[in-house]
Amino acid sequence: MEHRKAPDAQAFGLMVLFCVMLSMQQVALKAASEDVVPILQIAIRSGIAAILVWVYMLVLRERVSLNSGNWKPGLWVGLLFALEYLFLGEALRFTSASHAVVFLYTAPVFAALILHFLIASERMNRMQWGGIVLAVSGTALAFLGNKSGSSPEDLSDILIGDALAILAGAVWGATTVVIRTSRLSEVSPRETLLYQLLMACFLLSIAAYATDQLGFVPSTVAISSIVFQAVFVAFLAFLIWFWLLRNYHASPIGIMSFMTPIFGVLLGAWLLSEPLEPSFLAGSALVIAGVILVSGENLIRRSLKRLVN
């Protein structure tokens, strides 16, 4: 059995690529939103990515058996996944891509809070509670801070979008809890992803129809956004992530994933000319620092011990 190793230059390079692809998700959704609304983009890309994952499973000779019973928690995870992206897609109609990516990445905080009260071994210590305080304070600062140059109507839309993005993060956190506490924790991650993608395609298509958001202008931007998300975000990024987890220690890899909201803010400002309010930047920094304390507490504590000794 291959032993996992500490991250090296290859792991760092792949994590940068992974984080850039994930952060570009919100930017791509926002950029193409005038031609096809975000929830319809996500529905289409999920269907394409589900086919890619299914073909990849066939290549690996993996089978999804209905007799295993995995489909039952799989439906719940798929429902939560679809709900997360429904909130995210709607958030991007009102707020910026940079706001959406930062608030979405509050998910580990919600997961840690839920697990703290569900599982005794998941109780948080003082450092992690400190991270919770930082993340909550940063969220409040970024959410309620001054939105310079915004009219009352625009400010109302931004607050609605930010709130929806926070809800998306909460649902993502709940999804993590369901996976951790169900039989899905023992199955192939490809099977779990397949449940999520299929449910997202089905339910978000219904949501787009029910809300009369089926308009599709097949522009270059719209097609490029959907292809990029299907191939690079929902399929290739997933393969990179699980290859890294299989070959390297999970904790430092997990901490490096928080480059994603940083890249999201920078790319939103660069590619979409989104404004960067000082209060939002300060709040974002607190959120990211808090989430790192919550998720990487063991690694941080070990690193501090080595420095002291």
C-alpha atoms as a PDB file:
ATOM      1  CA  MET A   1       0.000   0.000   0.000  1.00  0.00           C
ATOM      2  CA  GLU A   2       1.346   3.416  -0.994  1.00  0.00           C
ATOM      3  CA  HIS A   3       2.040   5.732   1.898  1.00  0.00           C
ATOM      4  CA  ARG A   4       0.748   9.277   1.728  1.00  0.00           C
ATOM      5  CA  LYS A   5       3.429  11.945   1.761  1.00  0.00           C
ATOM      6  CA  ALA A   6       3.766  15.597   2.667  1.00  0.00           C
ATOM      7  CA  PRO A   7       2.791  18.026  -0.110  1.00  0.00           C
ATOM      8  CA  ASP A   8       5.605  18.856  -2.521  1.00  0.00           C
ATOM      9  CA  ALA A   9       5.941  21.204  -5.506  1.00  0.00           C
ATOM     10  CA  GLN A  10       3.759  18.935  -7.643  1.00  0.00           C
ATOM     11  CA  ALA A  11       0.990  18.894  -5.046  1.00  0.00           C
ATOM     12  CA  PHE A  12       1.160  22.666  -4.657  1.00  0.00           C
ATOM     13  CA  GLY A  13       0.974  23.194  -8.414  1.00  0.00           C
ATOM     14  CA  LEU A  14      -2.026  20.868  -8.744  1.00  0.00           C
ATOM     15  CA  MET A  15      -3.750  22.571  -5.811  1.00  0.00           C
ATOM     16  CA  VAL A  16      -3.263  25.971  -7.440  1.00  0.00           C
ATOM     17  CA  LEU A  17      -4.790  24.581 -10.642  1.00  0.00           C
ATOM     18  CA  PHE A  18      -7.640  22.990  -8.660  1.00  0.00           C
ATOM     19  CA  CYS A  19      -8.393  26.186  -6.737  1.00  0.00           C
ATOM     20  CA  VAL A  20      -8.280  28.369  -9.853  1.00  0.00           C
ATOM     21  CA  MET A  21     -10.752  26.060 -11.609  1.00  0.00           C
ATOM     22  CA  LEU A  22     -13.142  26.099  -8.652  1.00  0.00           C
ATOM     23  CA  SER A  23     -12.888  29.858  -8.216  1.00  0.00           C
ATOM     24  CA  MET A  24     -13.582  30.339 -11.940  1.00  0.00           C
ATOM     25  CA  GLN A  25     -16.898  28.526 -11.462  1.00  0.00           C
ATOM     26  CA  GLN A  26     -18.613  31.590  -9.990  1.00  0.00           C
ATOM     27  CA  VAL A  27     -16.940  33.897 -12.502  1.00  0.00           C
ATOM     28  CA  ALA A  28     -18.091  31.752 -15.454  1.00  0.00           C
ATOM     29  CA  LEU A  29     -21.643  31.497 -14.106  1.00  0.00           C
ATOM     30  CA  LYS A  30     -21.815  35.263 -13.619  1.00  0.00           C
ATOM     31  CA  ALA A  31     -20.216  36.108 -16.978  1.00  0.00           C
ATOM     32  CA  ALA A  32     -22.741  34.019 -18.935  1.00  0.00           C
ATOM     33  CA  SER A  33     -25.777  34.898 -16.805  1.00  0.00           C
ATOM     34  CA  GLU A  34     -27.216  37.315 -19.379  1.00  0.00           C
ATOM     35  CA  ASP A  35     -27.426  34.527 -21.971  1.00  0.00           C
ATOM     36  CA  VAL A  36     -28.378  31.627 -19.699  1.00  0.00           C
ATOM     37  CA  VAL A  37     -29.298  31.897 -16.012  1.00  0.00           C
ATOM     38  CA  PRO A  38     -26.939  30.259 -13.496  1.00  0.00           C
ATOM     39  CA  ILE A  39     -29.304  27.475 -12.351  1.00  0.00           C
ATOM     40  CA  LEU A  40     -29.867  26.338 -15.951  1.00  0.00           C
ATOM     41  CA  GLN A  41     -26.118  26.449 -16.574  1.00  0.00           C
ATOM     42  CA  ILE A  42     -25.578  24.265 -13.512  1.00  0.00           C
ATOM     43  CA  ALA A  43     -28.322  21.834 -14.565  1.00  0.00           C
ATOM     44  CA  ILE A  44     -26.805  21.386 -18.028  1.00  0.00           C
ATOM     45  CA  ARG A  45     -23.232  21.136 -16.803  1.00  0.00           C
ATOM     46  CA  SER A  46     -24.261  18.590 -14.145  1.00  0.00           C
ATOM     47  CA  GLY A  47     -25.845  16.376 -16.797  1.00  0.00           C
ATOM     48  CA  ILE A  48     -22.730  16.496 -18.981  1.00  0.00           C
ATOM     49  CA  ALA A  49     -20.431  15.884 -16.010  1.00  0.00           C
ATOM     50  CA  ALA A  50     -22.598  12.948 -14.851  1.00  0.00           C
ATOM     51  CA  ILE A  51     -22.046  11.285 -18.230  1.00  0.00           C
ATOM     52  CA  LEU A  52     -18.287  11.881 -17.968  1.00  0.00           C
ATOM     53  CA  VAL A  53     -18.160  10.415 -14.442  1.00  0.00           C
ATOM     54  CA  TRP A  54     -20.269   7.418 -15.513  1.00  0.00           C
ATOM     55  CA  VAL A  55     -17.934   6.725 -18.478  1.00  0.00           C
ATOM     56  CA  TYR A  56     -14.925   7.049 -16.176  1.00  0.00           C
ATOM     57  CA  MET A  57     -16.498   4.554 -13.772  1.00  0.00           C
ATOM     58  CA  LEU A  58     -17.022   2.147 -16.666  1.00  0.00           C
ATOM     59  CA  VAL A  59     -13.347   2.473 -17.581  1.00  0.00           C
ATOM     60  CA  LEU A  60     -12.447   1.652 -13.964  1.00  0.00           C
ATOM     61  CA  ARG A  61     -15.060  -1.155 -13.980  1.00  0.00           C
ATOM     62  CA  GLU A  62     -16.979   0.378 -11.116  1.00  0.00           C
ATOM     63  CA  ARG A  63     -20.645  -0.459 -10.827  1.00  0.00           C
ATOM     64  CA  VAL A  64     -23.508   1.236  -8.991  1.00  0.00           C
ATOM     65  CA  SER A  65     -25.703  -1.469  -7.474  1.00  0.00           C
ATOM     66  CA  LEU A  66     -29.223  -0.586  -6.380  1.00  0.00           C
ATOM     67  CA  ASN A  67     -29.166  -3.620  -4.085  1.00  0.00           C
ATOM     68  CA  SER A  68     -26.385  -2.057  -1.985  1.00  0.00           C
ATOM     69  CA  GLY A  69     -28.745   0.527  -0.511  1.00  0.00           C
ATOM     70  CA  ASN A  70     -26.237   3.328  -1.146  1.00  0.00           C
ATOM     71  CA  TRP A  71     -28.790   5.079  -3.316  1.00  0.00           C
ATOM     72  CA  LYS A  72     -30.886   6.018  -0.266  1.00  0.00           C
ATOM     73  CA  PRO A  73     -28.342   8.365   1.367  1.00  0.00           C
ATOM     74  CA  GLY A  74     -27.253   9.154  -2.190  1.00  0.00           C
ATOM     75  CA  LEU A  75     -30.657  10.703  -2.853  1.00  0.00           C
ATOM     76  CA  TRP A  76     -30.362  12.871   0.268  1.00  0.00           C
ATOM     77  CA  VAL A  77     -26.861  14.005  -0.681  1.00  0.00           C
ATOM     78  CA  GLY A  78     -28.035  14.671  -4.230  1.00  0.00           C
ATOM     79  CA  LEU A  79     -30.983  16.696  -2.935  1.00  0.00           C
ATOM     80  CA  LEU A  80     -28.699  18.799  -0.728  1.00  0.00           C
ATOM     81  CA  PHE A  81     -26.218  19.238  -3.585  1.00  0.00           C
ATOM     82  CA  ALA A  82     -29.008  20.489  -5.859  1.00  0.00           C
ATOM     83  CA  LEU A  83     -30.286  22.808  -3.121  1.00  0.00           C
ATOM     84  CA  GLU A  84     -26.769  24.206  -2.579  1.00  0.00           C
ATOM     85  CA  TYR A  85     -26.433  25.063  -6.242  1.00  0.00           C
ATOM     86  CA  LEU A  86     -29.970  26.408  -6.421  1.00  0.00           C
ATOM     87  CA  PHE A  87     -29.038  28.895  -3.691  1.00  0.00           C
ATOM     88  CA  LEU A  88     -25.694  29.638  -5.366  1.00  0.00           C
ATOM     89  CA  GLY A  89     -27.241  30.097  -8.802  1.00  0.00           C
ATOM     90  CA  GLU A  90     -29.878  32.453  -7.439  1.00  0.00           C
ATOM     91  CA  ALA A  91     -27.248  34.298  -5.363  1.00  0.00           C
ATOM     92  CA  LEU A  92     -25.298  35.102  -8.526  1.00  0.00           C
ATOM     93  CA  ARG A  93     -28.345  36.853  -9.967  1.00  0.00           C
ATOM     94  CA  PHE A  94     -28.090  39.433  -7.188  1.00  0.00           C
ATOM     95  CA  THR A  95     -24.535  39.602  -5.898  1.00  0.00           C
ATOM     96  CA  SER A  96     -21.015  39.456  -7.301  1.00  0.00           C
ATOM     97  CA  ALA A  97     -18.975  36.328  -8.015  1.00  0.00           C
ATOM     98  CA  SER A  98     -16.382  37.395  -5.417  1.00  0.00           C
ATOM     99  CA  HIS A  99     -19.030  37.718  -2.704  1.00  0.00           C
ATOM    100  CA  ALA A 100     -20.557  34.358  -3.667  1.00  0.00           C
ATOM    101  CA  VAL A 101     -17.293  32.411  -3.514  1.00  0.00           C
ATOM    102  CA  VAL A 102     -16.304  33.793  -0.092  1.00  0.00           C
ATOM    103  CA  PHE A 103     -19.682  33.137   1.507  1.00  0.00           C
ATOM    104  CA  LEU A 104     -19.910  29.686  -0.118  1.00  0.00           C
ATOM    105  CA  TYR A 105     -16.649  28.720   1.580  1.00  0.00           C
ATOM    106  CA  THR A 106     -18.141  29.152   5.028  1.00  0.00           C
ATOM    107  CA  ALA A 107     -19.285  25.526   4.512  1.00  0.00           C
ATOM    108  CA  PRO A 108     -16.587  23.948   6.766  1.00  0.00           C
ATOM    109  CA  VAL A 109     -17.759  26.163   9.639  1.00  0.00           C
ATOM    110  CA  PHE A 110     -21.335  24.897   9.313  1.00  0.00           C
ATOM    111  CA  ALA A 111     -20.119  21.283   8.992  1.00  0.00           C
ATOM    112  CA  ALA A 112     -17.946  21.610  12.106  1.00  0.00           C
ATOM    113  CA  LEU A 113     -20.803  23.119  14.125  1.00  0.00           C
ATOM    114  CA  ILE A 114     -23.236  20.352  13.131  1.00  0.00           C
ATOM    115  CA  LEU A 115     -20.705  17.571  13.782  1.00  0.00           C
ATOM    116  CA  HIS A 116     -19.812  19.110  17.158  1.00  0.00           C
ATOM    117  CA  PHE A 117     -23.344  18.461  18.420  1.00  0.00           C
ATOM    118  CA  LEU A 118     -23.828  15.116  16.630  1.00  0.00           C
ATOM    119  CA  ILE A 119     -20.617  13.179  17.289  1.00  0.00           C
ATOM    120  CA  ALA A 120     -18.657  13.206  20.556  1.00  0.00           C
ATOM    121  CA  SER A 121     -15.309  12.638  18.790  1.00  0.00           C
ATOM    122  CA  GLU A 122     -15.928  15.728  16.659  1.00  0.00           C
ATOM    123  CA  ARG A 123     -16.140  18.151  19.592  1.00  0.00           C
ATOM    124  CA  MET A 124     -14.291  21.370  18.840  1.00  0.00           C
ATOM    125  CA  ASN A 125     -11.535  22.759  21.055  1.00  0.00           C
ATOM    126  CA  ARG A 126     -10.744  26.361  21.938  1.00  0.00           C
ATOM    127  CA  MET A 127      -8.698  27.013  18.815  1.00  0.00           C
ATOM    128  CA  GLN A 128     -11.537  25.813  16.609  1.00  0.00           C
ATOM    129  CA  TRP A 129     -14.108  27.858  18.531  1.00  0.00           C
ATOM    130  CA  GLY A 130     -11.823  30.833  18.036  1.00  0.00           C
ATOM    131  CA  GLY A 131     -11.931  30.070  14.314  1.00  0.00           C
ATOM    132  CA  ILE A 132     -15.733  29.994  14.475  1.00  0.00           C
ATOM    133  CA  VAL A 133     -15.754  33.434  16.109  1.00  0.00           C
ATOM    134  CA  LEU A 134     -13.383  34.804  13.453  1.00  0.00           C
ATOM    135  CA  ALA A 135     -15.443  33.328  10.597  1.00  0.00           C
ATOM    136  CA  VAL A 136     -18.754  34.607  11.989  1.00  0.00           C
ATOM    137  CA  SER A 137     -17.271  38.059  12.635  1.00  0.00           C
ATOM    138  CA  GLY A 138     -15.812  38.154   9.134  1.00  0.00           C
ATOM    139  CA  THR A 139     -19.113  37.071   7.603  1.00  0.00           C
ATOM    140  CA  ALA A 140     -20.942  39.821   9.489  1.00  0.00           C
ATOM    141  CA  LEU A 141     -18.375  42.423   8.426  1.00  0.00           C
ATOM    142  CA  ALA A 142     -18.433  41.363   4.775  1.00  0.00           C
ATOM    143  CA  PHE A 143     -22.237  41.048   4.788  1.00  0.00           C
ATOM    144  CA  LEU A 144     -23.135  44.251   6.605  1.00  0.00           C
ATOM    145  CA  GLY A 145     -20.166  46.427   5.657  1.00  0.00           C
ATOM    146  CA  ASN A 146     -20.511  49.545   3.556  1.00  0.00           C
ATOM    147  CA  LYS A 147     -21.326  48.796  -0.097  1.00  0.00           C
ATOM    148  CA  SER A 148     -19.813  51.956  -1.527  1.00  0.00           C
ATOM    149  CA  GLY A 149     -21.573  53.529  -4.485  1.00  0.00           C
ATOM    150  CA  SER A 150     -24.626  51.246  -4.285  1.00  0.00           C
ATOM    151  CA  SER A 151     -28.154  52.588  -4.561  1.00  0.00           C
ATOM    152  CA  PRO A 152     -30.725  51.382  -1.995  1.00  0.00           C
ATOM    153  CA  GLU A 153     -32.171  49.009  -4.612  1.00  0.00           C
ATOM    154  CA  ASP A 154     -28.747  47.632  -5.546  1.00  0.00           C
ATOM    155  CA  LEU A 155     -27.804  47.296  -1.889  1.00  0.00           C
ATOM    156  CA  SER A 156     -30.976  45.291  -1.237  1.00  0.00           C
ATOM    157  CA  ASP A 157     -30.136  42.963  -4.136  1.00  0.00           C
ATOM    158  CA  ILE A 158     -26.553  42.509  -2.901  1.00  0.00           C
ATOM    159  CA  LEU A 159     -27.753  41.608   0.607  1.00  0.00           C
ATOM    160  CA  ILE A 160     -30.247  39.096  -0.816  1.00  0.00           C
ATOM    161  CA  GLY A 161     -27.527  37.524  -2.960  1.00  0.00           C
ATOM    162  CA  ASP A 162     -25.057  37.400  -0.070  1.00  0.00           C
ATOM    163  CA  ALA A 163     -27.671  35.752   2.164  1.00  0.00           C
ATOM    164  CA  LEU A 164     -28.386  33.120  -0.517  1.00  0.00           C
ATOM    165  CA  ALA A 165     -24.645  32.426  -0.857  1.00  0.00           C
ATOM    166  CA  ILE A 166     -24.397  31.909   2.916  1.00  0.00           C
ATOM    167  CA  LEU A 167     -27.348  29.481   2.695  1.00  0.00           C
ATOM    168  CA  ALA A 168     -25.483  27.648  -0.077  1.00  0.00           C
ATOM    169  CA  GLY A 169     -22.487  27.318   2.252  1.00  0.00           C
ATOM    170  CA  ALA A 170     -24.723  26.015   5.045  1.00  0.00           C
ATOM    171  CA  VAL A 171     -26.234  23.366   2.765  1.00  0.00           C
ATOM    172  CA  TRP A 172     -22.753  22.359   1.549  1.00  0.00           C
ATOM    173  CA  GLY A 173     -21.768  21.916   5.188  1.00  0.00           C
ATOM    174  CA  ALA A 174     -24.868  19.754   5.784  1.00  0.00           C
ATOM    175  CA  THR A 175     -23.942  17.662   2.728  1.00  0.00           C
ATOM    176  CA  THR A 176     -20.521  16.993   4.235  1.00  0.00           C
ATOM    177  CA  VAL A 177     -22.176  15.835   7.459  1.00  0.00           C
ATOM    178  CA  VAL A 178     -24.516  13.430   5.637  1.00  0.00           C
ATOM    179  CA  ILE A 179     -21.574  11.905   3.749  1.00  0.00           C
ATOM    180  CA  ARG A 180     -19.493  11.607   6.922  1.00  0.00           C
ATOM    181  CA  THR A 181     -22.285   9.988   8.968  1.00  0.00           C
ATOM    182  CA  SER A 182     -23.804   7.646   6.360  1.00  0.00           C
ATOM    183  CA  ARG A 183     -22.654   4.595   4.419  1.00  0.00           C
ATOM    184  CA  LEU A 184     -21.484   6.957   1.675  1.00  0.00           C
ATOM    185  CA  SER A 185     -18.322   7.498   3.728  1.00  0.00           C
ATOM    186  CA  GLU A 186     -17.284   3.974   2.711  1.00  0.00           C
ATOM    187  CA  VAL A 187     -18.168   3.994  -1.002  1.00  0.00           C
ATOM    188  CA  SER A 188     -16.268   5.283  -4.003  1.00  0.00           C
ATOM    189  CA  PRO A 189     -16.265   9.105  -4.173  1.00  0.00           C
ATOM    190  CA  ARG A 190     -17.132   8.732  -7.854  1.00  0.00           C
ATOM    191  CA  GLU A 191     -20.395   7.018  -6.928  1.00  0.00           C
ATOM    192  CA  THR A 192     -21.246   9.787  -4.461  1.00  0.00           C
ATOM    193  CA  LEU A 193     -20.462  12.442  -7.072  1.00  0.00           C
ATOM    194  CA  LEU A 194     -22.647  10.636  -9.610  1.00  0.00           C
ATOM    195  CA  TYR A 195     -25.636  10.799  -7.237  1.00  0.00           C
ATOM    196  CA  GLN A 196     -25.015  14.512  -6.722  1.00  0.00           C
ATOM    197  CA  LEU A 197     -24.682  15.350 -10.401  1.00  0.00           C
ATOM    198  CA  LEU A 198     -27.739  13.361 -11.475  1.00  0.00           C
ATOM    199  CA  MET A 199     -29.947  14.930  -8.803  1.00  0.00           C
ATOM    200  CA  ALA A 200     -28.629  18.416  -9.585  1.00  0.00           C
ATOM    201  CA  CYS A 201     -29.366  17.975 -13.290  1.00  0.00           C
ATOM    202  CA  PHE A 202     -32.892  16.684 -12.620  1.00  0.00           C
ATOM    203  CA  LEU A 203     -33.974  19.042  -9.821  1.00  0.00           C
ATOM    204  CA  LEU A 204     -32.383  22.215 -11.164  1.00  0.00           C
ATOM    205  CA  SER A 205     -33.964  21.584 -14.568  1.00  0.00           C
ATOM    206  CA  ILE A 206     -37.338  21.419 -12.803  1.00  0.00           C
ATOM    207  CA  ALA A 207     -36.502  24.587 -10.848  1.00  0.00           C
ATOM    208  CA  ALA A 208     -35.535  26.429 -14.038  1.00  0.00           C
ATOM    209  CA  TYR A 209     -38.810  25.355 -15.681  1.00  0.00           C
ATOM    210  CA  ALA A 210     -40.924  26.210 -12.620  1.00  0.00           C
ATOM    211  CA  THR A 211     -39.414  29.708 -12.372  1.00  0.00           C
ATOM    212  CA  ASP A 212     -39.535  30.341 -16.139  1.00  0.00           C
ATOM    213  CA  GLN A 213     -35.743  30.552 -16.447  1.00  0.00           C
ATOM    214  CA  LEU A 214     -35.287  28.354 -19.531  1.00  0.00           C
ATOM    215  CA  GLY A 215     -34.075  31.130 -21.836  1.00  0.00           C
ATOM    216  CA  PHE A 216     -30.859  30.113 -23.616  1.00  0.00           C
ATOM    217  CA  VAL A 217     -28.877  32.293 -26.005  1.00  0.00           C
ATOM    218  CA  PRO A 218     -26.170  29.992 -27.452  1.00  0.00           C
ATOM    219  CA  SER A 219     -23.464  32.641 -27.402  1.00  0.00           C
ATOM    220  CA  THR A 220     -19.757  31.889 -27.277  1.00  0.00           C
ATOM    221  CA  VAL A 221     -19.666  32.970 -23.622  1.00  0.00           C
ATOM    222  CA  ALA A 222     -22.615  30.743 -22.661  1.00  0.00           C
ATOM    223  CA  ILE A 223     -21.295  27.635 -24.435  1.00  0.00           C
ATOM    224  CA  SER A 224     -17.768  28.198 -23.128  1.00  0.00           C
ATOM    225  CA  SER A 225     -19.056  28.617 -19.570  1.00  0.00           C
ATOM    226  CA  ILE A 226     -21.035  25.367 -19.629  1.00  0.00           C
ATOM    227  CA  VAL A 227     -18.236  23.346 -21.265  1.00  0.00           C
ATOM    228  CA  PHE A 228     -15.665  24.741 -18.847  1.00  0.00           C
ATOM    229  CA  GLN A 229     -17.820  23.954 -15.825  1.00  0.00           C
ATOM    230  CA  ALA A 230     -18.749  20.448 -16.996  1.00  0.00           C
ATOM    231  CA  VAL A 231     -15.272  19.323 -18.050  1.00  0.00           C
ATOM    232  CA  PHE A 232     -12.958  21.281 -15.765  1.00  0.00           C
ATOM    233  CA  VAL A 233     -14.988  22.087 -12.633  1.00  0.00           C
ATOM    234  CA  ALA A 234     -17.383  19.168 -12.151  1.00  0.00           C
ATOM    235  CA  PHE A 235     -15.126  16.450 -13.644  1.00  0.00           C
ATOM    236  CA  LEU A 236     -11.410  17.250 -13.930  1.00  0.00           C
ATOM    237  CA  ALA A 237     -11.163  19.215 -10.676  1.00  0.00           C
ATOM    238  CA  PHE A 238     -12.801  16.269  -8.910  1.00  0.00           C
ATOM    239  CA  LEU A 239     -10.205  13.859 -10.338  1.00  0.00           C
ATOM    240  CA  ILE A 240      -7.345  16.124  -9.246  1.00  0.00           C
ATOM    241  CA  TRP A 241      -8.804  16.480  -5.739  1.00  0.00           C
ATOM    242  CA  PHE A 242      -9.172  12.776  -5.062  1.00  0.00           C
ATOM    243  CA  TRP A 243      -5.786  11.942  -6.604  1.00  0.00           C
ATOM    244  CA  LEU A 244      -4.210  14.435  -4.200  1.00  0.00           C
ATOM    245  CA  LEU A 245      -6.094  13.002  -1.220  1.00  0.00           C
ATOM    246  CA  ARG A 246      -4.973   9.511  -2.188  1.00  0.00           C
ATOM    247  CA  ASN A 247      -1.299  10.451  -2.479  1.00  0.00           C
ATOM    248  CA  TYR A 248      -0.751  13.246   0.072  1.00  0.00           C
ATOM    249  CA  HIS A 249      -1.654  14.019   3.682  1.00  0.00           C
ATOM    250  CA  ALA A 250      -5.213  15.323   3.803  1.00  0.00           C
ATOM    251  CA  SER A 251      -4.844  18.166   6.327  1.00  0.00           C
ATOM    252  CA  PRO A 252      -2.357  20.369   4.431  1.00  0.00           C
ATOM    253  CA  ILE A 253      -4.178  19.648   1.169  1.00  0.00           C
ATOM    254  CA  GLY A 254      -7.432  20.743   2.813  1.00  0.00           C
ATOM    255  CA  ILE A 255      -5.881  23.973   4.082  1.00  0.00           C
ATOM    256  CA  MET A 256      -4.474  24.790   0.631  1.00  0.00           C
ATOM    257  CA  SER A 257      -8.000  24.508  -0.789  1.00  0.00           C
ATOM    258  CA  PHE A 258      -8.772  27.835   0.867  1.00  0.00           C
ATOM    259  CA  MET A 259      -6.824  29.517  -1.893  1.00  0.00           C
ATOM    260  CA  THR A 260     -10.123  29.158  -3.808  1.00  0.00           C
ATOM    261  CA  PRO A 261     -11.980  32.152  -2.294  1.00  0.00           C
ATOM    262  CA  ILE A 262      -8.818  34.259  -2.599  1.00  0.00           C
ATOM    263  CA  PHE A 263      -8.569  33.444  -6.301  1.00  0.00           C
ATOM    264  CA  GLY A 264     -12.331  33.977  -6.626  1.00  0.00           C
ATOM    265  CA  VAL A 265     -12.106  37.528  -5.278  1.00  0.00           C
ATOM    266  CA  LEU A 266      -9.092  38.373  -7.470  1.00  0.00           C
ATOM    267  CA  LEU A 267     -10.582  36.857 -10.644  1.00  0.00           C
ATOM    268  CA  GLY A 268     -13.931  38.551 -10.037  1.00  0.00           C
ATOM    269  CA  ALA A 269     -12.188  41.919  -9.799  1.00  0.00           C
ATOM    270  CA  TRP A 270      -9.972  41.246 -12.821  1.00  0.00           C
ATOM    271  CA  LEU A 271     -12.346  39.560 -15.265  1.00  0.00           C
ATOM    272  CA  LEU A 272     -15.691  41.043 -14.217  1.00  0.00           C
ATOM    273  CA  SER A 273     -14.468  44.417 -12.882  1.00  0.00           C
ATOM    274  CA  GLU A 274     -16.231  43.770  -9.583  1.00  0.00           C
ATOM    275  CA  PRO A 275     -15.627  46.384  -6.887  1.00  0.00           C
ATOM    276  CA  LEU A 276     -13.617  45.407  -3.826  1.00  0.00           C
ATOM    277  CA  GLU A 277     -14.937  47.217  -0.757  1.00  0.00           C
ATOM    278  CA  PRO A 278     -12.478  47.489   2.167  1.00  0.00           C
ATOM    279  CA  SER A 279     -15.065  46.007   4.561  1.00  0.00           C
ATOM    280  CA  PHE A 280     -15.595  43.025   2.270  1.00  0.00           C
ATOM    281  CA  LEU A 281     -11.866  42.389   1.913  1.00  0.00           C
ATOM    282  CA  ALA A 282     -11.338  42.610   5.678  1.00  0.00           C
ATOM    283  CA  GLY A 283     -14.320  40.358   6.341  1.00  0.00           C
ATOM    284  CA  SER A 284     -13.126  37.863   3.730  1.00  0.00           C
ATOM    285  CA  ALA A 285      -9.707  37.675   5.379  1.00  0.00           C
ATOM    286  CA  LEU A 286     -11.352  36.918   8.736  1.00  0.00           C
ATOM    287  CA  VAL A 287     -13.592  34.266   7.174  1.00  0.00           C
ATOM    288  CA  ILE A 288     -10.668  32.502   5.503  1.00  0.00           C
ATOM    289  CA  ALA A 289      -8.527  32.685   8.660  1.00  0.00           C
ATOM    290  CA  GLY A 290     -11.392  31.329  10.761  1.00  0.00           C
ATOM    291  CA  VAL A 291     -12.118  28.454   8.418  1.00  0.00           C
ATOM    292  CA  ILE A 292      -8.426  27.509   8.346  1.00  0.00           C
ATOM    293  CA  LEU A 293      -8.388  27.402  12.168  1.00  0.00           C
ATOM    294  CA  VAL A 294     -11.492  25.201  12.208  1.00  0.00           C
ATOM    295  CA  SER A 295     -10.367  22.810   9.463  1.00  0.00           C
ATOM    296  CA  GLY A 296      -6.623  22.731  10.017  1.00  0.00           C
ATOM    297  CA  GLU A 297      -6.454  22.785  13.814  1.00  0.00           C
ATOM    298  CA  ASN A 298      -4.473  19.523  14.088  1.00  0.00           C
ATOM    299  CA  LEU A 299      -1.895  20.572  11.503  1.00  0.00           C
ATOM    300  CA  ILE A 300      -1.532  24.040  13.036  1.00  0.00           C
ATOM    301  CA  ARG A 301      -1.075  22.583  16.527  1.00  0.00           C
ATOM    302  CA  ARG A 302       1.570  20.104  15.314  1.00  0.00           C
ATOM    303  CA  SER A 303       3.412  22.856  13.442  1.00  0.00           C
ATOM    304  CA  LEU A 304       3.447  25.078  16.538  1.00  0.00           C
ATOM    305  CA  LYS A 305       4.824  22.206  18.664  1.00  0.00           C
ATOM    306  CA  ARG A 306       7.640  21.652  16.180  1.00  0.00           C
ATOM    307  CA  LEU A 307       8.516  25.338  16.263  1.00  0.00           C
ATOM    308  CA  VAL A 308       8.582  25.376  20.062  1.00  0.00           C
ATOM    309  CA  ASN A 309      10.664  22.209  20.277  1.00  0.00           C
END
